Amino acid sequence: MRRLPVYLLIDTSGSMKGEPIEAVNAGLQTLVSSLRRDPQALETAYLSIITFDREARLVLPLTPVAEVQLPLIETPDSGPTMTGAALKLVCQRVDQEVRTQSTDVKRDWKPLLFIMTDGAPSDLQKYNEMVPECKKCKFTAITACAAGMKAKIDSLKDLATNIVSLDTCDGATFSQFFQWVSASISSEAQSVGVSSQLVLPPPPDAISIV
């Protein structure tokens, strides 16, 4: 079985405390439930979650969608946004987890990366160092989400294949965002081996493509 690895990087800095992170937790539940209802995604998609605030943490290693048990994601009261550290960690995980061709197992499909942040990298030097390293991981697409009015899009432009923005960080907006991410993953699960590019579904009203 060829797997479709999907990596989610989620900003958990202090500014996400309260309703935003509660909405993220609810949105992740929606995402997993939606993927489980899609036979192709259920068969091929594997999910990993990395959070980042003052440090980057692996909260869910690459796991079949059918077996995912989502952790409760929390935020500190305050602190920096170490986006560069998160990129370093995801590169390490891709190197360890994504299968390349061998005589024993089929290689995986190229992975997908989704990154959501409501600010800008605090570790900008590390971030700039890791952008080219991320591109060496050969993701089919890197989709970045600038969440809220304080999110800085400029720093995402060098990294991302696609950028979307959310005007607000409330529950309804995040719900629409994670449903859209689920639809994007399902689209890729159905088109792997046919198209070399991620075909994004039309975004809902709360999401703007930059």
N, C-alpha and C. Protein backbone atom coordinates (compact mmCIF):
# COMPACT_ATOMS: atom_id res chain seq x y z
N MET A 1 0.84 -1.20 0.00
CA MET A 1 0.00 0.00 0.00
C MET A 1 0.87 1.25 0.00
N ARG A 2 0.63 2.14 -0.95
CA ARG A 2 1.35 3.41 -0.98
C ARG A 2 0.60 4.42 -0.12
N ARG A 3 1.31 5.01 0.80
CA ARG A 3 0.70 5.93 1.74
C ARG A 3 0.77 7.38 1.23
N LEU A 4 -0.19 8.19 1.65
CA LEU A 4 -0.17 9.62 1.40
C LEU A 4 0.09 10.32 2.74
N PRO A 5 1.35 10.71 3.01
CA PRO A 5 1.66 11.35 4.28
C PRO A 5 1.21 12.82 4.28
N VAL A 6 0.56 13.23 5.35
CA VAL A 6 0.07 14.60 5.49
C VAL A 6 0.59 15.16 6.82
N TYR A 7 1.30 16.28 6.74
CA TYR A 7 1.85 16.92 7.93
C TYR A 7 1.14 18.24 8.18
N LEU A 8 0.68 18.42 9.42
CA LEU A 8 0.03 19.66 9.84
C LEU A 8 0.92 20.35 10.87
N LEU A 9 1.28 21.60 10.60
CA LEU A 9 2.04 22.41 11.54
C LEU A 9 1.11 23.50 12.07
N ILE A 10 0.94 23.53 13.39
CA ILE A 10 -0.06 24.42 13.99
C ILE A 10 0.60 25.34 15.01
N ASP A 11 0.41 26.63 14.81
CA ASP A 11 0.90 27.67 15.72
C ASP A 11 0.13 27.59 17.03
N THR A 12 0.86 27.38 18.14
CA THR A 12 0.23 27.34 19.46
C THR A 12 0.83 28.40 20.38
N SER A 13 1.31 29.50 19.81
CA SER A 13 1.85 30.59 20.62
C SER A 13 0.75 31.22 21.46
N GLY A 14 1.15 32.07 22.41
CA GLY A 14 0.21 32.62 23.38
C GLY A 14 -0.98 33.34 22.78
N SER A 15 -0.80 33.92 21.60
CA SER A 15 -1.90 34.65 20.96
C SER A 15 -3.03 33.73 20.50
N MET A 16 -2.76 32.42 20.48
CA MET A 16 -3.79 31.45 20.08
C MET A 16 -4.62 30.97 21.27
N LYS A 17 -4.30 31.46 22.47
CA LYS A 17 -4.98 30.98 23.67
C LYS A 17 -6.46 31.36 23.65
N GLY A 18 -7.29 30.52 24.26
CA GLY A 18 -8.72 30.81 24.34
C GLY A 18 -9.49 30.25 23.17
N GLU A 19 -10.38 31.06 22.61
CA GLU A 19 -11.25 30.59 21.53
C GLU A 19 -10.49 30.05 20.32
N PRO A 20 -9.38 30.71 19.88
CA PRO A 20 -8.69 30.19 18.70
C PRO A 20 -8.23 28.74 18.85
N ILE A 21 -7.57 28.40 19.98
CA ILE A 21 -7.05 27.03 20.09
C ILE A 21 -8.19 26.05 20.34
N GLU A 22 -9.26 26.49 21.02
CA GLU A 22 -10.44 25.63 21.17
C GLU A 22 -11.04 25.32 19.80
N ALA A 23 -11.06 26.34 18.93
CA ALA A 23 -11.58 26.14 17.58
C ALA A 23 -10.69 25.21 16.77
N VAL A 24 -9.37 25.30 16.98
CA VAL A 24 -8.44 24.41 16.29
C VAL A 24 -8.69 22.96 16.70
N ASN A 25 -8.84 22.72 18.00
CA ASN A 25 -9.10 21.35 18.47
C ASN A 25 -10.40 20.80 17.87
N ALA A 26 -11.44 21.63 17.84
CA ALA A 26 -12.70 21.19 17.24
C ALA A 26 -12.54 20.97 15.74
N GLY A 27 -11.77 21.85 15.10
CA GLY A 27 -11.56 21.72 13.66
C GLY A 27 -10.81 20.46 13.28
N LEU A 28 -9.84 20.08 14.11
CA LEU A 28 -9.09 18.85 13.84
C LEU A 28 -9.99 17.63 13.94
N GLN A 29 -10.91 17.64 14.91
CA GLN A 29 -11.88 16.55 15.01
C GLN A 29 -12.72 16.45 13.74
N THR A 30 -13.15 17.61 13.24
CA THR A 30 -13.93 17.65 12.00
C THR A 30 -13.12 17.11 10.83
N LEU A 31 -11.86 17.51 10.76
CA LEU A 31 -10.99 17.05 9.67
C LEU A 31 -10.86 15.53 9.65
N VAL A 32 -10.56 14.96 10.81
CA VAL A 32 -10.37 13.51 10.88
C VAL A 32 -11.67 12.78 10.57
N SER A 33 -12.78 13.28 11.10
CA SER A 33 -14.08 12.64 10.82
C SER A 33 -14.40 12.66 9.33
N SER A 34 -14.11 13.79 8.69
CA SER A 34 -14.38 13.90 7.25
C SER A 34 -13.52 12.93 6.45
N LEU A 35 -12.25 12.83 6.80
CA LEU A 35 -11.36 11.92 6.08
C LEU A 35 -11.79 10.47 6.25
N ARG A 36 -12.30 10.14 7.42
CA ARG A 36 -12.73 8.76 7.66
C ARG A 36 -13.97 8.40 6.84
N ARG A 37 -14.71 9.39 6.39
CA ARG A 37 -15.88 9.13 5.56
C ARG A 37 -15.53 9.00 4.08
N ASP A 38 -14.29 9.29 3.74
CA ASP A 38 -13.82 9.20 2.35
C ASP A 38 -13.04 7.89 2.19
N PRO A 39 -13.57 6.91 1.46
CA PRO A 39 -12.90 5.60 1.37
C PRO A 39 -11.45 5.69 0.88
N GLN A 40 -11.19 6.55 -0.10
CA GLN A 40 -9.83 6.65 -0.64
C GLN A 40 -8.88 7.27 0.38
N ALA A 41 -9.32 8.34 1.04
CA ALA A 41 -8.49 8.96 2.07
C ALA A 41 -8.28 8.02 3.25
N LEU A 42 -9.33 7.31 3.61
CA LEU A 42 -9.24 6.36 4.73
C LEU A 42 -8.20 5.29 4.44
N GLU A 43 -8.09 4.91 3.19
CA GLU A 43 -7.16 3.84 2.81
C GLU A 43 -5.72 4.32 2.70
N THR A 44 -5.51 5.57 2.26
CA THR A 44 -4.15 6.00 1.93
C THR A 44 -3.58 7.09 2.83
N ALA A 45 -4.42 7.93 3.42
CA ALA A 45 -3.90 9.10 4.14
C ALA A 45 -3.37 8.73 5.52
N TYR A 46 -2.21 9.28 5.82
CA TYR A 46 -1.58 9.17 7.14
C TYR A 46 -1.35 10.59 7.64
N LEU A 47 -1.62 10.83 8.91
CA LEU A 47 -1.63 12.19 9.45
C LEU A 47 -0.59 12.36 10.55
N SER A 48 0.11 13.50 10.52
CA SER A 48 1.04 13.86 11.59
C SER A 48 0.79 15.31 11.97
N ILE A 49 0.92 15.63 13.27
CA ILE A 49 0.70 17.00 13.75
C ILE A 49 1.91 17.46 14.55
N ILE A 50 2.39 18.63 14.21
CA ILE A 50 3.47 19.29 14.95
C ILE A 50 2.95 20.65 15.40
N THR A 51 3.15 20.99 16.68
CA THR A 51 2.77 22.31 17.17
C THR A 51 4.04 23.12 17.42
N PHE A 52 3.88 24.43 17.41
CA PHE A 52 5.05 25.27 17.69
C PHE A 52 4.64 26.55 18.42
N ASP A 53 5.36 26.83 19.49
CA ASP A 53 5.28 28.10 20.21
C ASP A 53 6.70 28.46 20.59
N ARG A 54 7.09 28.34 21.88
CA ARG A 54 8.49 28.60 22.22
C ARG A 54 9.40 27.44 21.79
N GLU A 55 8.80 26.32 21.45
CA GLU A 55 9.52 25.19 20.88
C GLU A 55 8.58 24.42 19.96
N ALA A 56 9.15 23.55 19.16
CA ALA A 56 8.35 22.70 18.27
C ALA A 56 8.16 21.34 18.92
N ARG A 57 6.95 20.79 18.82
CA ARG A 57 6.65 19.50 19.44
C ARG A 57 5.92 18.59 18.45
N LEU A 58 6.33 17.34 18.44
CA LEU A 58 5.58 16.33 17.69
C LEU A 58 4.48 15.82 18.60
N VAL A 59 3.23 16.14 18.29
CA VAL A 59 2.12 15.69 19.13
C VAL A 59 1.40 14.49 18.54
N LEU A 60 1.62 14.24 17.24
CA LEU A 60 1.06 13.04 16.61
C LEU A 60 2.02 12.57 15.53
N PRO A 61 2.71 11.45 15.75
CA PRO A 61 3.55 10.91 14.67
C PRO A 61 2.69 10.41 13.53
N LEU A 62 3.29 10.15 12.40
CA LEU A 62 2.55 9.75 11.20
C LEU A 62 1.71 8.50 11.49
N THR A 63 0.40 8.65 11.37
CA THR A 63 -0.55 7.64 11.83
C THR A 63 -1.66 7.46 10.79
N PRO A 64 -2.08 6.22 10.51
CA PRO A 64 -3.22 6.04 9.60
C PRO A 64 -4.44 6.80 10.10
N VAL A 65 -5.17 7.42 9.19
CA VAL A 65 -6.34 8.21 9.58
C VAL A 65 -7.30 7.39 10.44
N ALA A 66 -7.46 6.12 10.10
CA ALA A 66 -8.40 5.27 10.85
C ALA A 66 -7.98 5.08 12.30
N GLU A 67 -6.69 5.27 12.59
CA GLU A 67 -6.17 5.01 13.94
C GLU A 67 -5.83 6.27 14.71
N VAL A 68 -6.06 7.44 14.12
CA VAL A 68 -5.69 8.70 14.77
C VAL A 68 -6.50 8.90 16.05
N GLN A 69 -5.80 9.17 17.15
CA GLN A 69 -6.41 9.62 18.39
C GLN A 69 -5.84 11.00 18.67
N LEU A 70 -6.65 12.01 18.45
CA LEU A 70 -6.15 13.38 18.53
C LEU A 70 -5.83 13.77 19.97
N PRO A 71 -4.66 14.35 20.20
CA PRO A 71 -4.35 14.89 21.52
C PRO A 71 -5.06 16.23 21.71
N LEU A 72 -5.23 16.66 22.95
CA LEU A 72 -5.74 18.00 23.22
C LEU A 72 -4.58 18.97 23.07
N ILE A 73 -4.71 19.88 22.13
CA ILE A 73 -3.65 20.85 21.88
C ILE A 73 -3.88 22.08 22.74
N GLU A 74 -2.85 22.48 23.48
CA GLU A 74 -2.94 23.61 24.40
C GLU A 74 -1.91 24.66 24.04
N THR A 75 -2.05 25.84 24.63
CA THR A 75 -1.12 26.93 24.37
C THR A 75 -0.57 27.46 25.68
N PRO A 76 0.66 28.03 25.66
CA PRO A 76 1.16 28.74 26.84
C PRO A 76 0.45 30.09 26.96
N ASP A 77 0.63 30.76 28.10
CA ASP A 77 0.01 32.08 28.29
C ASP A 77 0.62 33.12 27.36
N SER A 78 1.89 32.95 27.07
CA SER A 78 2.57 33.90 26.18
C SER A 78 3.81 33.21 25.64
N GLY A 79 4.51 33.90 24.75
CA GLY A 79 5.75 33.33 24.24
C GLY A 79 5.92 33.50 22.76
N PRO A 80 7.10 33.16 22.25
CA PRO A 80 7.43 33.37 20.84
C PRO A 80 6.81 32.33 19.93
N THR A 81 7.01 32.55 18.64
CA THR A 81 6.49 31.66 17.59
C THR A 81 7.67 31.09 16.82
N MET A 82 8.11 29.90 17.20
CA MET A 82 9.33 29.32 16.64
C MET A 82 9.00 28.50 15.38
N THR A 83 8.65 29.21 14.34
CA THR A 83 8.26 28.56 13.09
C THR A 83 9.43 27.84 12.44
N GLY A 84 10.62 28.42 12.53
CA GLY A 84 11.80 27.77 11.97
C GLY A 84 12.07 26.43 12.61
N ALA A 85 11.89 26.35 13.93
CA ALA A 85 12.08 25.08 14.64
C ALA A 85 11.06 24.05 14.17
N ALA A 86 9.84 24.50 13.88
CA ALA A 86 8.81 23.59 13.39
C ALA A 86 9.18 23.05 12.01
N LEU A 87 9.71 23.91 11.15
CA LEU A 87 10.13 23.44 9.83
C LEU A 87 11.27 22.43 9.94
N LYS A 88 12.20 22.69 10.86
CA LYS A 88 13.30 21.74 11.06
C LYS A 88 12.77 20.38 11.51
N LEU A 89 11.81 20.40 12.44
CA LEU A 89 11.26 19.15 12.95
C LEU A 89 10.50 18.40 11.86
N VAL A 90 9.72 19.10 11.05
CA VAL A 90 8.97 18.39 10.01
C VAL A 90 9.91 17.80 8.97
N CYS A 91 11.00 18.49 8.67
CA CYS A 91 11.98 17.92 7.73
C CYS A 91 12.59 16.64 8.30
N GLN A 92 12.88 16.65 9.60
CA GLN A 92 13.43 15.45 10.24
C GLN A 92 12.42 14.30 10.19
N ARG A 93 11.16 14.61 10.45
CA ARG A 93 10.14 13.57 10.45
C ARG A 93 9.91 13.00 9.06
N VAL A 94 9.90 13.85 8.05
CA VAL A 94 9.75 13.36 6.67
C VAL A 94 10.90 12.43 6.33
N ASP A 95 12.11 12.81 6.72
CA ASP A 95 13.28 11.98 6.44
C ASP A 95 13.17 10.61 7.12
N GLN A 96 12.58 10.59 8.32
CA GLN A 96 12.47 9.34 9.08
C GLN A 96 11.27 8.50 8.66
N GLU A 97 10.18 9.15 8.28
CA GLU A 97 8.90 8.45 8.15
C GLU A 97 8.47 8.15 6.72
N VAL A 98 8.82 9.00 5.79
CA VAL A 98 8.32 8.82 4.42
C VAL A 98 9.17 7.78 3.70
N ARG A 99 8.53 6.77 3.19
CA ARG A 99 9.23 5.65 2.56
C ARG A 99 9.68 6.01 1.15
N THR A 100 10.90 5.69 0.86
CA THR A 100 11.38 5.76 -0.52
C THR A 100 11.39 4.34 -1.09
N GLN A 101 11.64 4.24 -2.37
CA GLN A 101 11.57 2.94 -3.03
C GLN A 101 12.55 1.94 -2.42
N SER A 102 12.09 0.73 -2.18
CA SER A 102 12.97 -0.35 -1.74
C SER A 102 12.40 -1.66 -2.27
N THR A 103 13.13 -2.72 -2.05
CA THR A 103 12.67 -4.03 -2.53
C THR A 103 11.56 -4.59 -1.64
N ASP A 104 11.43 -4.06 -0.41
CA ASP A 104 10.49 -4.62 0.55
C ASP A 104 9.13 -3.91 0.58
N VAL A 105 9.15 -2.59 0.42
CA VAL A 105 7.90 -1.83 0.52
C VAL A 105 7.77 -0.86 -0.64
N LYS A 106 6.53 -0.54 -0.98
CA LYS A 106 6.30 0.47 -2.00
C LYS A 106 6.60 1.85 -1.42
N ARG A 107 7.15 2.70 -2.26
CA ARG A 107 7.42 4.06 -1.77
C ARG A 107 6.10 4.80 -1.55
N ASP A 108 6.16 5.77 -0.65
CA ASP A 108 4.99 6.59 -0.38
C ASP A 108 4.77 7.60 -1.50
N TRP A 109 3.54 8.11 -1.58
CA TRP A 109 3.30 9.26 -2.42
C TRP A 109 4.00 10.47 -1.80
N LYS A 110 4.25 11.48 -2.61
CA LYS A 110 4.87 12.69 -2.07
C LYS A 110 3.97 13.28 -0.98
N PRO A 111 4.58 13.74 0.12
CA PRO A 111 3.77 14.23 1.23
C PRO A 111 3.16 15.61 0.97
N LEU A 112 2.16 15.93 1.77
CA LEU A 112 1.54 17.25 1.79
C LEU A 112 1.91 17.94 3.10
N LEU A 113 2.07 19.26 3.05
CA LEU A 113 2.35 20.04 4.26
C LEU A 113 1.36 21.20 4.34
N PHE A 114 0.69 21.30 5.49
CA PHE A 114 -0.17 22.44 5.79
C PHE A 114 0.38 23.12 7.03
N ILE A 115 0.56 24.44 6.97
CA ILE A 115 1.07 25.19 8.12
C ILE A 115 0.12 26.35 8.41
N MET A 116 -0.27 26.47 9.68
CA MET A 116 -1.19 27.53 10.08
C MET A 116 -0.55 28.38 11.16
N THR A 117 -0.54 29.70 10.96
CA THR A 117 0.05 30.61 11.94
C THR A 117 -0.76 31.89 12.01
N ASP A 118 -0.77 32.50 13.21
CA ASP A 118 -1.48 33.78 13.37
C ASP A 118 -0.51 34.94 13.57
N GLY A 119 0.78 34.70 13.30
CA GLY A 119 1.77 35.75 13.50
C GLY A 119 2.88 35.69 12.48
N ALA A 120 4.11 35.82 12.99
CA ALA A 120 5.30 35.76 12.14
C ALA A 120 6.37 34.98 12.89
N PRO A 121 7.34 34.40 12.18
CA PRO A 121 8.39 33.64 12.85
C PRO A 121 9.20 34.51 13.81
N SER A 122 9.36 34.04 15.06
CA SER A 122 10.25 34.72 16.00
C SER A 122 11.70 34.36 15.71
N ASP A 123 11.93 33.16 15.22
CA ASP A 123 13.28 32.68 14.88
C ASP A 123 13.50 32.84 13.38
N LEU A 124 13.50 34.09 12.93
CA LEU A 124 13.50 34.36 11.49
C LEU A 124 14.74 33.81 10.78
N GLN A 125 15.91 33.88 11.44
CA GLN A 125 17.12 33.35 10.80
C GLN A 125 16.99 31.85 10.57
N LYS A 126 16.54 31.12 11.59
CA LYS A 126 16.34 29.67 11.44
C LYS A 126 15.27 29.39 10.39
N TYR A 127 14.21 30.18 10.40
CA TYR A 127 13.14 30.01 9.41
C TYR A 127 13.70 30.15 8.00
N ASN A 128 14.47 31.19 7.76
CA ASN A 128 15.03 31.41 6.43
C ASN A 128 15.99 30.29 6.02
N GLU A 129 16.70 29.73 7.01
CA GLU A 129 17.60 28.60 6.73
C GLU A 129 16.81 27.35 6.34
N MET A 130 15.64 27.17 6.96
CA MET A 130 14.88 25.94 6.77
C MET A 130 13.98 25.96 5.55
N VAL A 131 13.67 27.12 5.00
CA VAL A 131 12.81 27.18 3.82
C VAL A 131 13.37 26.34 2.67
N PRO A 132 14.65 26.50 2.29
CA PRO A 132 15.17 25.65 1.20
C PRO A 132 15.26 24.18 1.59
N GLU A 133 15.47 23.90 2.88
CA GLU A 133 15.51 22.50 3.33
C GLU A 133 14.14 21.86 3.19
N CYS A 134 13.09 22.63 3.48
CA CYS A 134 11.73 22.12 3.32
C CYS A 134 11.45 21.76 1.86
N LYS A 135 11.94 22.59 0.98
CA LYS A 135 11.69 22.34 -0.44
C LYS A 135 12.41 21.09 -0.92
N LYS A 136 13.50 20.72 -0.26
CA LYS A 136 14.20 19.48 -0.60
C LYS A 136 13.39 18.25 -0.23
N CYS A 137 12.41 18.42 0.68
CA CYS A 137 11.57 17.29 1.09
C CYS A 137 10.59 16.88 0.00
N LYS A 138 10.48 17.70 -1.04
CA LYS A 138 9.65 17.38 -2.21
C LYS A 138 8.19 17.13 -1.86
N PHE A 139 7.65 18.04 -1.06
CA PHE A 139 6.21 18.01 -0.82
C PHE A 139 5.48 18.25 -2.15
N THR A 140 4.37 17.56 -2.35
CA THR A 140 3.54 17.89 -3.51
C THR A 140 3.11 19.34 -3.45
N ALA A 141 2.77 19.79 -2.24
CA ALA A 141 2.40 21.20 -2.05
C ALA A 141 2.63 21.57 -0.59
N ILE A 142 2.99 22.83 -0.37
CA ILE A 142 3.05 23.41 0.97
C ILE A 142 1.98 24.50 1.00
N THR A 143 0.95 24.27 1.78
CA THR A 143 -0.16 25.22 1.87
C THR A 143 -0.10 25.92 3.21
N ALA A 144 0.04 27.24 3.18
CA ALA A 144 0.15 28.03 4.40
C ALA A 144 -1.13 28.81 4.63
N CYS A 145 -1.51 28.89 5.90
CA CYS A 145 -2.70 29.64 6.29
C CYS A 145 -2.30 30.77 7.22
N ALA A 146 -2.55 32.00 6.81
CA ALA A 146 -2.34 33.17 7.65
C ALA A 146 -3.65 33.46 8.37
N ALA A 147 -3.69 33.16 9.67
CA ALA A 147 -4.94 33.21 10.42
C ALA A 147 -5.05 34.51 11.20
N GLY A 148 -6.03 35.31 10.86
CA GLY A 148 -6.25 36.56 11.58
C GLY A 148 -5.50 37.73 10.98
N MET A 149 -5.84 38.92 11.45
CA MET A 149 -5.31 40.14 10.86
C MET A 149 -3.84 40.37 11.18
N LYS A 150 -3.31 39.73 12.24
CA LYS A 150 -1.92 39.95 12.64
C LYS A 150 -0.95 38.98 11.96
N ALA A 151 -1.46 38.03 11.23
CA ALA A 151 -0.59 37.07 10.53
C ALA A 151 0.18 37.77 9.42
N LYS A 152 1.46 37.45 9.33
CA LYS A 152 2.34 38.09 8.34
C LYS A 152 2.49 37.18 7.12
N ILE A 153 1.95 37.62 6.01
CA ILE A 153 1.97 36.81 4.80
C ILE A 153 3.33 36.81 4.13
N ASP A 154 4.07 37.92 4.26
CA ASP A 154 5.34 38.05 3.54
C ASP A 154 6.30 36.90 3.83
N SER A 155 6.39 36.49 5.11
CA SER A 155 7.33 35.43 5.47
C SER A 155 6.91 34.07 4.91
N LEU A 156 5.63 33.93 4.56
CA LEU A 156 5.14 32.66 4.03
C LEU A 156 5.36 32.52 2.53
N LYS A 157 5.58 33.64 1.85
CA LYS A 157 5.64 33.61 0.39
C LYS A 157 6.82 32.80 -0.13
N ASP A 158 7.96 32.84 0.59
CA ASP A 158 9.13 32.08 0.13
C ASP A 158 8.96 30.58 0.36
N LEU A 159 8.09 30.22 1.30
CA LEU A 159 7.92 28.82 1.68
C LEU A 159 6.82 28.12 0.91
N ALA A 160 5.68 28.77 0.80
CA ALA A 160 4.45 28.06 0.43
C ALA A 160 4.19 28.02 -1.06
N THR A 161 3.61 26.90 -1.48
CA THR A 161 3.08 26.77 -2.83
C THR A 161 1.77 27.54 -2.96
N ASN A 162 0.96 27.46 -1.90
CA ASN A 162 -0.34 28.13 -1.84
C ASN A 162 -0.46 28.84 -0.50
N ILE A 163 -1.06 30.03 -0.49
CA ILE A 163 -1.31 30.75 0.75
C ILE A 163 -2.79 31.12 0.80
N VAL A 164 -3.40 30.85 1.96
CA VAL A 164 -4.76 31.30 2.19
C VAL A 164 -4.78 32.15 3.44
N SER A 165 -5.76 33.02 3.55
CA SER A 165 -5.86 33.87 4.73
C SER A 165 -7.26 33.78 5.33
N LEU A 166 -7.30 33.90 6.65
CA LEU A 166 -8.55 33.94 7.40
C LEU A 166 -8.64 35.30 8.07
N ASP A 167 -9.77 35.98 7.93
CA ASP A 167 -9.91 37.30 8.55
C ASP A 167 -9.99 37.21 10.06
N THR A 168 -10.58 36.14 10.57
CA THR A 168 -10.77 35.99 12.01
C THR A 168 -10.31 34.61 12.46
N CYS A 169 -10.18 34.46 13.78
CA CYS A 169 -9.76 33.17 14.35
C CYS A 169 -10.87 32.60 15.23
N ASP A 170 -12.12 32.78 14.81
CA ASP A 170 -13.23 32.26 15.61
C ASP A 170 -13.58 30.83 15.21
N GLY A 171 -14.49 30.24 15.96
CA GLY A 171 -14.81 28.84 15.75
C GLY A 171 -15.37 28.55 14.38
N ALA A 172 -16.27 29.40 13.89
CA ALA A 172 -16.89 29.15 12.59
C ALA A 172 -15.86 29.21 11.46
N THR A 173 -14.93 30.16 11.56
CA THR A 173 -13.92 30.29 10.51
C THR A 173 -12.97 29.10 10.50
N PHE A 174 -12.49 28.70 11.68
CA PHE A 174 -11.59 27.55 11.73
C PHE A 174 -12.29 26.27 11.30
N SER A 175 -13.57 26.15 11.62
CA SER A 175 -14.33 24.98 11.17
C SER A 175 -14.32 24.89 9.65
N GLN A 176 -14.58 26.03 8.99
CA GLN A 176 -14.55 26.04 7.53
C GLN A 176 -13.15 25.74 7.00
N PHE A 177 -12.13 26.27 7.68
CA PHE A 177 -10.76 26.04 7.22
C PHE A 177 -10.42 24.55 7.27
N PHE A 178 -10.70 23.89 8.38
CA PHE A 178 -10.33 22.48 8.50
C PHE A 178 -11.17 21.59 7.59
N GLN A 179 -12.41 21.98 7.33
CA GLN A 179 -13.20 21.23 6.35
C GLN A 179 -12.58 21.37 4.96
N TRP A 180 -12.06 22.55 4.67
CA TRP A 180 -11.40 22.78 3.38
C TRP A 180 -10.09 21.99 3.29
N VAL A 181 -9.34 21.93 4.39
CA VAL A 181 -8.12 21.11 4.41
C VAL A 181 -8.46 19.65 4.16
N SER A 182 -9.53 19.17 4.81
CA SER A 182 -9.97 17.79 4.60
C SER A 182 -10.31 17.54 3.14
N ALA A 183 -11.03 18.49 2.52
CA ALA A 183 -11.38 18.34 1.11
C ALA A 183 -10.14 18.35 0.23
N SER A 184 -9.14 19.14 0.61
CA SER A 184 -7.88 19.18 -0.16
C SER A 184 -7.15 17.85 -0.08
N ILE A 185 -7.12 17.26 1.12
CA ILE A 185 -6.47 15.96 1.29
C ILE A 185 -7.22 14.89 0.50
N SER A 186 -8.54 14.91 0.57
CA SER A 186 -9.34 13.94 -0.18
C SER A 186 -9.10 14.08 -1.68
N SER A 187 -9.00 15.32 -2.15
CA SER A 187 -8.72 15.56 -3.57
C SER A 187 -7.40 14.93 -3.97
N GLU A 188 -6.39 15.11 -3.12
CA GLU A 188 -5.07 14.54 -3.44
C GLU A 188 -5.11 13.02 -3.36
N ALA A 189 -5.83 12.46 -2.38
CA ALA A 189 -5.92 11.01 -2.25
C ALA A 189 -6.53 10.38 -3.50
N GLN A 190 -7.44 11.10 -4.14
CA GLN A 190 -8.10 10.57 -5.33
C GLN A 190 -7.28 10.77 -6.60
N SER A 191 -6.34 11.73 -6.57
CA SER A 191 -5.62 12.07 -7.80
C SER A 191 -4.16 11.63 -7.80
N VAL A 192 -3.65 11.03 -6.69
CA VAL A 192 -2.26 10.61 -6.68
C VAL A 192 -2.02 9.61 -7.81
N GLY A 193 -0.90 9.79 -8.46
CA GLY A 193 -0.57 8.95 -9.60
C GLY A 193 -1.15 9.45 -10.90
N VAL A 194 -2.07 10.44 -10.81
CA VAL A 194 -2.69 11.01 -12.01
C VAL A 194 -2.17 12.42 -12.25
N SER A 195 -2.14 13.22 -11.16
CA SER A 195 -1.68 14.61 -11.26
C SER A 195 -0.49 14.82 -10.34
N SER A 196 0.49 15.59 -10.79
CA SER A 196 1.68 15.87 -9.99
C SER A 196 1.50 17.10 -9.11
N GLN A 197 0.35 17.76 -9.21
CA GLN A 197 0.08 18.96 -8.44
C GLN A 197 -1.17 18.77 -7.59
N LEU A 198 -1.18 19.44 -6.43
CA LEU A 198 -2.37 19.42 -5.59
C LEU A 198 -3.42 20.35 -6.18
N VAL A 199 -4.59 19.81 -6.44
CA VAL A 199 -5.71 20.60 -6.95
C VAL A 199 -6.57 21.02 -5.77
N LEU A 200 -6.51 22.31 -5.42
CA LEU A 200 -7.24 22.79 -4.26
C LEU A 200 -8.72 22.95 -4.60
N PRO A 201 -9.59 22.52 -3.70
CA PRO A 201 -11.02 22.73 -3.93
C PRO A 201 -11.36 24.21 -3.76
N PRO A 202 -12.49 24.67 -4.28
CA PRO A 202 -12.89 26.06 -4.08
C PRO A 202 -13.00 26.37 -2.59
N PRO A 203 -12.44 27.50 -2.14
CA PRO A 203 -12.50 27.81 -0.70
C PRO A 203 -13.87 28.32 -0.29
N PRO A 204 -14.27 28.11 0.96
CA PRO A 204 -15.51 28.70 1.45
C PRO A 204 -15.35 30.20 1.65
N ASP A 205 -16.43 30.86 2.00
CA ASP A 205 -16.43 32.32 2.09
C ASP A 205 -15.42 32.86 3.09
N ALA A 206 -15.16 32.11 4.16
CA ALA A 206 -14.28 32.61 5.22
C ALA A 206 -12.80 32.55 4.84
N ILE A 207 -12.48 31.91 3.71
CA ILE A 207 -11.09 31.71 3.31
C ILE A 207 -10.81 32.46 2.02
N SER A 208 -9.72 33.22 2.02
CA SER A 208 -9.29 33.93 0.82
C SER A 208 -7.98 33.36 0.33
N ILE A 209 -7.87 33.07 -0.96
CA ILE A 209 -6.60 32.63 -1.53
C ILE A 209 -5.78 33.86 -1.88
N VAL A 210 -4.55 33.87 -1.37
CA VAL A 210 -3.67 35.04 -1.57
C VAL A 210 -2.97 34.93 -2.91
